[in-house]
Amino acid sequence: MTELSGDGLLARPVRLHGIDLGRPVDVLLDREALRAVGLDILCGDDVHRFLPLPTAAISADALTIHSPLVLLEEDELDFYRSRAFALSSLRGRPVLRAGRDAGRLRDVVLARDGGLLAVVVDPGGRIPFDETLRFAPQRRSAA
């Protein structure tokens, strides 16, 4: 498995020694490098925690961790949220390629190291990532 979709990451449970600890609810992308830095995990105790992507072994059916200590508490999650794009907040936003509308973001395609390989837009499908690709800023209402 050389690439992963955002949806594919969100579909895998987080496991420690075969025990499900939680499930990803969002992918966090570094604002500058546009690479996945980690996941917002909703744990079995109903607490959101941050899972740095490099600390998880990604298989076809799970995100496996080797210690519960890699799941960072909510205050650390808030730190990363404040410095990253949440995939959930980007979905549906216009994607610009060389300043032109390329469609609305549906998903991202990531390398195993979290690097952004492509975006999936409606309409149009998969667009390879390059330096001309941008996410349009969120529009704010005048009300």
Protein backbone atom coordinates (compact mmCIF):
# COMPACT_ATOMS: atom_id res chain seq x y z
CA MET A 1 0.00 0.00 0.00
CA THR A 2 1.85 3.06 -1.24
CA GLU A 3 -0.92 5.62 -0.93
CA LEU A 4 -3.92 6.26 1.29
CA SER A 5 -7.05 8.31 0.93
CA GLY A 6 -8.35 10.50 3.73
CA ASP A 7 -11.53 8.39 3.73
CA GLY A 8 -9.42 5.23 3.91
CA LEU A 9 -7.59 6.47 7.01
CA LEU A 10 -10.87 7.44 8.65
CA ALA A 11 -12.27 3.94 8.05
CA ARG A 12 -9.54 2.16 10.05
CA PRO A 13 -9.87 1.63 13.82
CA VAL A 14 -6.96 2.40 16.13
CA ARG A 15 -5.73 -0.79 17.81
CA LEU A 16 -3.27 -1.64 20.56
CA HIS A 17 -2.38 -5.35 20.86
CA GLY A 18 -5.51 -6.23 18.85
CA ILE A 19 -7.86 -4.16 21.05
CA ASP A 20 -9.85 -1.34 19.44
CA LEU A 21 -9.10 1.91 21.30
CA GLY A 22 -11.00 4.32 19.10
CA ARG A 23 -11.64 5.56 15.60
CA PRO A 24 -10.33 8.47 13.57
CA VAL A 25 -12.81 11.28 13.03
CA ASP A 26 -10.58 13.74 11.15
CA VAL A 27 -7.27 14.06 9.34
CA LEU A 28 -5.12 17.08 10.23
CA LEU A 29 -2.97 18.59 7.46
CA ASP A 30 -0.07 20.94 8.14
CA ARG A 31 -1.04 24.37 6.77
CA GLU A 32 2.38 25.09 5.25
CA ALA A 33 3.59 21.73 3.97
CA LEU A 34 0.11 20.34 3.17
CA ARG A 35 0.97 16.94 4.61
CA ALA A 36 -0.97 14.86 7.09
CA VAL A 37 0.53 15.30 10.53
CA GLY A 38 -1.95 13.19 12.45
CA LEU A 39 -5.47 12.14 13.23
CA ASP A 40 -8.19 13.25 15.62
CA ILE A 41 -9.15 10.01 17.36
CA LEU A 42 -12.41 9.53 19.25
CA CYS A 43 -11.45 7.02 21.92
CA GLY A 44 -13.67 4.52 23.70
CA ASP A 45 -13.93 6.84 26.73
CA ASP A 46 -15.52 9.52 24.46
CA VAL A 47 -12.39 11.71 24.65
CA HIS A 48 -10.73 13.08 21.51
CA ARG A 49 -6.98 12.49 21.33
CA PHE A 50 -4.28 13.27 18.77
CA LEU A 51 -2.47 10.43 17.03
CA PRO A 52 0.70 11.59 15.23
CA LEU A 53 0.64 9.77 11.91
CA PRO A 54 4.26 8.51 12.06
CA THR A 55 3.52 6.64 15.32
CA ALA A 56 0.93 4.35 13.71
CA ALA A 57 1.55 1.25 11.62
CA ILE A 58 -0.99 1.44 8.82
CA SER A 59 -2.39 -1.85 7.54
CA ALA A 60 -5.34 -2.67 5.32
CA ASP A 61 -7.69 -3.02 8.29
CA ALA A 62 -6.29 -0.90 11.17
CA LEU A 63 -3.99 1.77 12.51
CA THR A 64 -1.85 -0.10 15.02
CA ILE A 65 -0.01 1.62 17.84
CA HIS A 66 2.55 0.03 20.16
CA SER A 67 1.87 2.17 23.23
CA PRO A 68 -1.13 4.12 24.50
CA LEU A 69 1.30 6.97 25.24
CA VAL A 70 1.36 7.94 21.55
CA LEU A 71 -2.28 9.08 21.87
CA LEU A 72 -1.87 12.67 23.00
CA GLU A 73 -4.46 14.31 25.27
CA GLU A 74 -7.03 16.90 24.20
CA ASP A 75 -4.85 19.92 24.94
CA GLU A 76 -2.19 18.59 22.55
CA LEU A 77 -4.94 17.88 20.02
CA ASP A 78 -6.08 21.51 20.35
CA PHE A 79 -2.49 22.63 19.71
CA TYR A 80 -2.36 20.68 16.43
CA ARG A 81 -5.90 21.69 15.42
CA SER A 82 -4.95 25.36 15.75
CA ARG A 83 -2.00 24.89 13.38
CA ALA A 84 -3.51 22.54 10.82
CA PHE A 85 -6.32 22.21 8.34
CA ALA A 86 -8.92 19.64 9.33
CA LEU A 87 -9.91 17.59 6.30
CA SER A 88 -13.53 17.96 7.39
CA SER A 89 -13.25 21.76 7.09
CA LEU A 90 -11.70 21.51 3.60
CA ARG A 91 -14.24 19.13 2.08
CA GLY A 92 -16.55 20.95 -0.31
CA ARG A 93 -14.22 23.94 -0.65
CA PRO A 94 -13.09 25.01 -4.10
CA VAL A 95 -9.67 23.75 -5.18
CA LEU A 96 -7.66 26.12 -7.32
CA ARG A 97 -5.01 25.00 -9.77
CA ALA A 98 -2.86 27.82 -11.13
CA GLY A 99 -5.54 30.23 -9.89
CA ARG A 100 -8.40 28.50 -11.74
CA ASP A 101 -11.27 26.55 -10.25
CA ALA A 102 -10.57 22.81 -10.49
CA GLY A 103 -13.66 21.62 -8.58
CA ARG A 104 -14.72 21.08 -4.99
CA LEU A 105 -12.61 18.98 -2.65
CA ARG A 106 -14.00 15.53 -1.93
CA ASP A 107 -10.91 13.75 -0.53
CA VAL A 108 -7.12 13.76 -0.40
CA VAL A 109 -4.63 11.09 -1.46
CA LEU A 110 -1.61 10.75 0.80
CA ALA A 111 1.75 9.01 0.65
CA ARG A 112 2.53 6.66 3.54
CA ASP A 113 4.62 9.44 5.12
CA GLY A 114 1.61 11.80 5.03
CA GLY A 115 2.72 13.82 2.00
CA LEU A 116 -0.09 15.06 -0.24
CA LEU A 117 0.00 13.19 -3.58
CA ALA A 118 -3.32 14.28 -5.08
CA VAL A 119 -6.76 15.67 -4.38
CA VAL A 120 -10.07 14.23 -5.47
CA VAL A 121 -12.56 16.86 -6.65
CA ASP A 122 -16.13 17.00 -7.90
CA PRO A 123 -16.36 17.18 -10.83
CA GLY A 124 -13.11 16.04 -12.34
CA GLY A 125 -11.79 13.26 -10.16
CA ARG A 126 -8.16 12.94 -9.13
CA ILE A 127 -5.73 15.82 -9.64
CA PRO A 128 -2.02 15.30 -8.87
CA PHE A 129 -0.67 17.67 -6.23
CA ASP A 130 1.86 20.30 -7.27
CA GLU A 131 2.87 23.79 -6.13
CA THR A 132 0.07 25.42 -8.18
CA LEU A 133 -2.69 23.67 -6.20
CA ARG A 134 -4.44 25.67 -3.46
CA PHE A 135 -7.54 25.38 -1.30
CA ALA A 136 -9.75 28.44 -1.63
CA PRO A 137 -10.28 30.31 1.64
CA GLN A 138 -13.55 29.77 3.46
CA ARG A 139 -16.13 32.38 2.64
CA ARG A 140 -17.54 34.33 5.51
CA SER A 141 -21.08 35.53 5.53
CA ALA A 142 -21.81 39.25 5.73
CA ALA A 143 -24.48 38.62 8.38
